Amino acid sequence: MTENGWSRSCEDFQARLPDLVGSRRGISLHPHLLTCAKCSALLLDLQTIADAAKELLPIEQPKEGLWERIDLAIREQRE
């Protein structure tokens, strides 16, 4: 155990956590999570935060033809 009550394997796992979460490849099945309640709780908290963050700003698709209008405006300014 380290001074903060976490094991060295927790520190190693948490150092890799951003890459693991970003990959979305079955992180919940990672061997460390099967035996570590602290890191399992941490992952659950991070997933909750990430899900809530997605709700803050709605993702909108650009309106039909937007990129074509931008391209046309740029071409007209060059002429």
N, C-alpha and C. Protein backbone atom coordinates (compact mmCIF):
# COMPACT_ATOMS: atom_id res chain seq x y z
N MET A 1 0.83 -1.19 0.00
CA MET A 1 0.00 0.00 0.00
C MET A 1 0.87 1.25 0.00
N THR A 2 0.34 2.30 -0.62
CA THR A 2 1.03 3.58 -0.60
C THR A 2 0.49 4.41 0.55
N GLU A 3 1.01 5.62 0.70
CA GLU A 3 0.58 6.49 1.80
C GLU A 3 -0.91 6.82 1.76
N ASN A 4 -1.48 6.90 0.56
CA ASN A 4 -2.88 7.28 0.44
C ASN A 4 -3.84 6.09 0.53
N GLY A 5 -3.34 4.92 0.85
CA GLY A 5 -4.20 3.75 1.01
C GLY A 5 -4.45 2.98 -0.27
N TRP A 6 -3.86 3.41 -1.36
CA TRP A 6 -4.02 2.73 -2.64
C TRP A 6 -2.81 1.85 -2.87
N SER A 7 -3.00 0.74 -3.52
CA SER A 7 -1.87 -0.14 -3.81
C SER A 7 -1.13 0.36 -5.04
N ARG A 8 0.06 -0.15 -5.22
CA ARG A 8 0.85 0.22 -6.40
C ARG A 8 0.11 -0.18 -7.66
N SER A 9 -0.58 -1.31 -7.63
CA SER A 9 -1.32 -1.72 -8.83
C SER A 9 -2.45 -0.75 -9.12
N CYS A 10 -3.01 -0.12 -8.07
CA CYS A 10 -4.03 0.91 -8.29
C CYS A 10 -3.42 2.10 -9.01
N GLU A 11 -2.23 2.49 -8.57
CA GLU A 11 -1.56 3.62 -9.21
C GLU A 11 -1.25 3.31 -10.67
N ASP A 12 -0.78 2.10 -10.94
CA ASP A 12 -0.50 1.70 -12.32
C ASP A 12 -1.78 1.70 -13.16
N PHE A 13 -2.85 1.14 -12.60
CA PHE A 13 -4.11 1.09 -13.32
C PHE A 13 -4.62 2.50 -13.60
N GLN A 14 -4.58 3.37 -12.59
CA GLN A 14 -5.08 4.74 -12.76
C GLN A 14 -4.25 5.54 -13.74
N ALA A 15 -2.97 5.25 -13.83
CA ALA A 15 -2.12 5.92 -14.81
C ALA A 15 -2.54 5.56 -16.23
N ARG A 16 -3.06 4.35 -16.40
CA ARG A 16 -3.50 3.89 -17.73
C ARG A 16 -4.98 4.16 -17.97
N LEU A 17 -5.67 4.63 -16.96
CA LEU A 17 -7.12 4.80 -17.02
C LEU A 17 -7.59 5.68 -18.18
N PRO A 18 -6.97 6.84 -18.44
CA PRO A 18 -7.45 7.65 -19.57
C PRO A 18 -7.43 6.90 -20.89
N ASP A 19 -6.37 6.14 -21.15
CA ASP A 19 -6.29 5.36 -22.39
C ASP A 19 -7.33 4.25 -22.41
N LEU A 20 -7.51 3.61 -21.26
CA LEU A 20 -8.49 2.52 -21.19
C LEU A 20 -9.91 3.02 -21.40
N VAL A 21 -10.25 4.15 -20.77
CA VAL A 21 -11.59 4.71 -20.91
C VAL A 21 -11.81 5.17 -22.35
N GLY A 22 -10.79 5.81 -22.92
CA GLY A 22 -10.90 6.30 -24.29
C GLY A 22 -11.07 5.21 -25.31
N SER A 23 -10.52 4.04 -25.03
CA SER A 23 -10.59 2.94 -25.99
C SER A 23 -11.95 2.25 -25.99
N ARG A 24 -12.67 2.33 -24.86
CA ARG A 24 -13.99 1.70 -24.71
C ARG A 24 -13.97 0.21 -24.99
N ARG A 25 -12.82 -0.44 -24.82
CA ARG A 25 -12.71 -1.87 -25.09
C ARG A 25 -12.90 -2.68 -23.83
N GLY A 26 -14.10 -2.82 -23.38
CA GLY A 26 -14.40 -3.69 -22.25
C GLY A 26 -13.61 -3.37 -21.00
N ILE A 27 -13.47 -2.09 -20.68
CA ILE A 27 -12.68 -1.71 -19.50
C ILE A 27 -13.25 -2.33 -18.23
N SER A 28 -14.56 -2.52 -18.19
CA SER A 28 -15.16 -3.08 -16.97
C SER A 28 -14.70 -4.52 -16.72
N LEU A 29 -14.12 -5.15 -17.72
CA LEU A 29 -13.62 -6.52 -17.57
C LEU A 29 -12.12 -6.56 -17.28
N HIS A 30 -11.52 -5.39 -17.09
CA HIS A 30 -10.08 -5.34 -16.79
C HIS A 30 -9.81 -6.15 -15.52
N PRO A 31 -8.78 -6.96 -15.51
CA PRO A 31 -8.50 -7.82 -14.35
C PRO A 31 -8.37 -7.06 -13.03
N HIS A 32 -7.81 -5.87 -13.06
CA HIS A 32 -7.64 -5.12 -11.82
C HIS A 32 -9.00 -4.76 -11.21
N LEU A 33 -9.96 -4.46 -12.05
CA LEU A 33 -11.28 -4.07 -11.54
C LEU A 33 -12.03 -5.22 -10.89
N LEU A 34 -11.66 -6.43 -11.25
CA LEU A 34 -12.33 -7.60 -10.67
C LEU A 34 -11.96 -7.79 -9.20
N THR A 35 -10.84 -7.20 -8.79
CA THR A 35 -10.38 -7.40 -7.41
C THR A 35 -10.26 -6.10 -6.61
N CYS A 36 -10.51 -4.96 -7.23
CA CYS A 36 -10.30 -3.69 -6.54
C CYS A 36 -11.58 -2.86 -6.52
N ALA A 37 -12.18 -2.78 -5.36
CA ALA A 37 -13.43 -2.01 -5.21
C ALA A 37 -13.20 -0.52 -5.37
N LYS A 38 -12.03 -0.03 -4.93
CA LYS A 38 -11.75 1.41 -5.04
C LYS A 38 -11.67 1.86 -6.49
N CYS A 39 -10.95 1.12 -7.30
CA CYS A 39 -10.82 1.49 -8.72
C CYS A 39 -12.12 1.25 -9.47
N SER A 40 -12.88 0.24 -9.08
CA SER A 40 -14.20 0.01 -9.68
C SER A 40 -15.12 1.19 -9.41
N ALA A 41 -15.09 1.69 -8.17
CA ALA A 41 -15.91 2.86 -7.80
C ALA A 41 -15.43 4.09 -8.55
N LEU A 42 -14.11 4.24 -8.68
CA LEU A 42 -13.56 5.38 -9.41
C LEU A 42 -14.02 5.35 -10.86
N LEU A 43 -13.96 4.19 -11.49
CA LEU A 43 -14.39 4.07 -12.88
C LEU A 43 -15.87 4.41 -13.01
N LEU A 44 -16.69 3.93 -12.11
CA LEU A 44 -18.12 4.23 -12.14
C LEU A 44 -18.36 5.74 -12.02
N ASP A 45 -17.63 6.39 -11.11
CA ASP A 45 -17.74 7.84 -10.96
C ASP A 45 -17.34 8.57 -12.24
N LEU A 46 -16.23 8.13 -12.85
CA LEU A 46 -15.77 8.78 -14.08
C LEU A 46 -16.77 8.59 -15.22
N GLN A 47 -17.36 7.41 -15.30
CA GLN A 47 -18.35 7.17 -16.36
C GLN A 47 -19.60 8.02 -16.13
N THR A 48 -19.99 8.18 -14.87
CA THR A 48 -21.14 9.03 -14.53
C THR A 48 -20.86 10.47 -14.92
N ILE A 49 -19.67 10.95 -14.63
CA ILE A 49 -19.28 12.33 -14.98
C ILE A 49 -19.26 12.50 -16.50
N ALA A 50 -18.69 11.54 -17.20
CA ALA A 50 -18.61 11.62 -18.66
C ALA A 50 -20.00 11.62 -19.28
N ASP A 51 -20.89 10.79 -18.78
CA ASP A 51 -22.26 10.75 -19.29
C ASP A 51 -22.98 12.06 -19.03
N ALA A 52 -22.79 12.64 -17.85
CA ALA A 52 -23.43 13.91 -17.52
C ALA A 52 -22.87 15.03 -18.39
N ALA A 53 -21.58 15.00 -18.66
CA ALA A 53 -20.96 16.04 -19.49
C ALA A 53 -21.54 16.04 -20.91
N LYS A 54 -21.88 14.89 -21.41
CA LYS A 54 -22.47 14.80 -22.75
C LYS A 54 -23.81 15.54 -22.82
N GLU A 55 -24.49 15.64 -21.69
CA GLU A 55 -25.80 16.29 -21.64
C GLU A 55 -25.70 17.82 -21.54
N LEU A 56 -24.52 18.33 -21.22
CA LEU A 56 -24.36 19.77 -21.04
C LEU A 56 -24.57 20.55 -22.33
N LEU A 57 -23.98 20.09 -23.38
CA LEU A 57 -24.11 20.76 -24.67
C LEU A 57 -24.66 19.78 -25.69
N PRO A 58 -25.79 20.10 -26.26
CA PRO A 58 -26.34 19.18 -27.26
C PRO A 58 -25.46 19.15 -28.51
N ILE A 59 -25.30 17.99 -29.06
CA ILE A 59 -24.54 17.84 -30.29
C ILE A 59 -25.51 18.02 -31.45
N GLU A 60 -25.23 19.02 -32.26
CA GLU A 60 -26.09 19.31 -33.40
C GLU A 60 -25.31 19.13 -34.68
N GLN A 61 -25.97 18.59 -35.65
CA GLN A 61 -25.37 18.45 -36.96
C GLN A 61 -25.55 19.77 -37.72
N PRO A 62 -24.56 20.15 -38.53
CA PRO A 62 -24.72 21.38 -39.30
C PRO A 62 -25.87 21.24 -40.29
N LYS A 63 -26.48 22.36 -40.59
CA LYS A 63 -27.60 22.35 -41.53
C LYS A 63 -27.12 21.93 -42.90
N GLU A 64 -28.03 21.36 -43.64
CA GLU A 64 -27.75 20.88 -45.00
C GLU A 64 -27.14 22.00 -45.84
N GLY A 65 -26.04 21.70 -46.49
CA GLY A 65 -25.41 22.64 -47.41
C GLY A 65 -24.52 23.69 -46.75
N LEU A 66 -24.31 23.60 -45.44
CA LEU A 66 -23.50 24.60 -44.75
C LEU A 66 -22.10 24.67 -45.31
N TRP A 67 -21.45 23.53 -45.46
CA TRP A 67 -20.06 23.54 -45.92
C TRP A 67 -19.96 24.05 -47.35
N GLU A 68 -20.93 23.76 -48.16
CA GLU A 68 -20.94 24.27 -49.54
C GLU A 68 -21.07 25.80 -49.55
N ARG A 69 -21.92 26.35 -48.66
CA ARG A 69 -22.09 27.80 -48.58
C ARG A 69 -20.80 28.46 -48.08
N ILE A 70 -20.14 27.84 -47.13
CA ILE A 70 -18.88 28.38 -46.64
C ILE A 70 -17.84 28.38 -47.76
N ASP A 71 -17.74 27.27 -48.47
CA ASP A 71 -16.80 27.17 -49.58
C ASP A 71 -17.09 28.23 -50.64
N LEU A 72 -18.35 28.42 -50.97
CA LEU A 72 -18.74 29.43 -51.96
C LEU A 72 -18.38 30.83 -51.49
N ALA A 73 -18.63 31.13 -50.22
CA ALA A 73 -18.31 32.45 -49.67
C ALA A 73 -16.80 32.71 -49.73
N ILE A 74 -16.00 31.69 -49.43
CA ILE A 74 -14.55 31.84 -49.49
C ILE A 74 -14.10 32.10 -50.92
N ARG A 75 -14.64 31.35 -51.86
CA ARG A 75 -14.28 31.53 -53.27
C ARG A 75 -14.67 32.92 -53.76
N GLU A 76 -15.83 33.40 -53.35
CA GLU A 76 -16.28 34.72 -53.78
C GLU A 76 -15.39 35.82 -53.22
N GLN A 77 -14.91 35.64 -52.01
CA GLN A 77 -14.01 36.65 -51.42
C GLN A 77 -12.66 36.67 -52.10
N ARG A 78 -12.23 35.55 -52.64
CA ARG A 78 -10.93 35.48 -53.34
C ARG A 78 -10.99 36.17 -54.68
N GLU A 79 -12.15 36.25 -55.27
CA GLU A 79 -12.28 36.83 -56.63
C GLU A 79 -12.29 38.32 -56.61
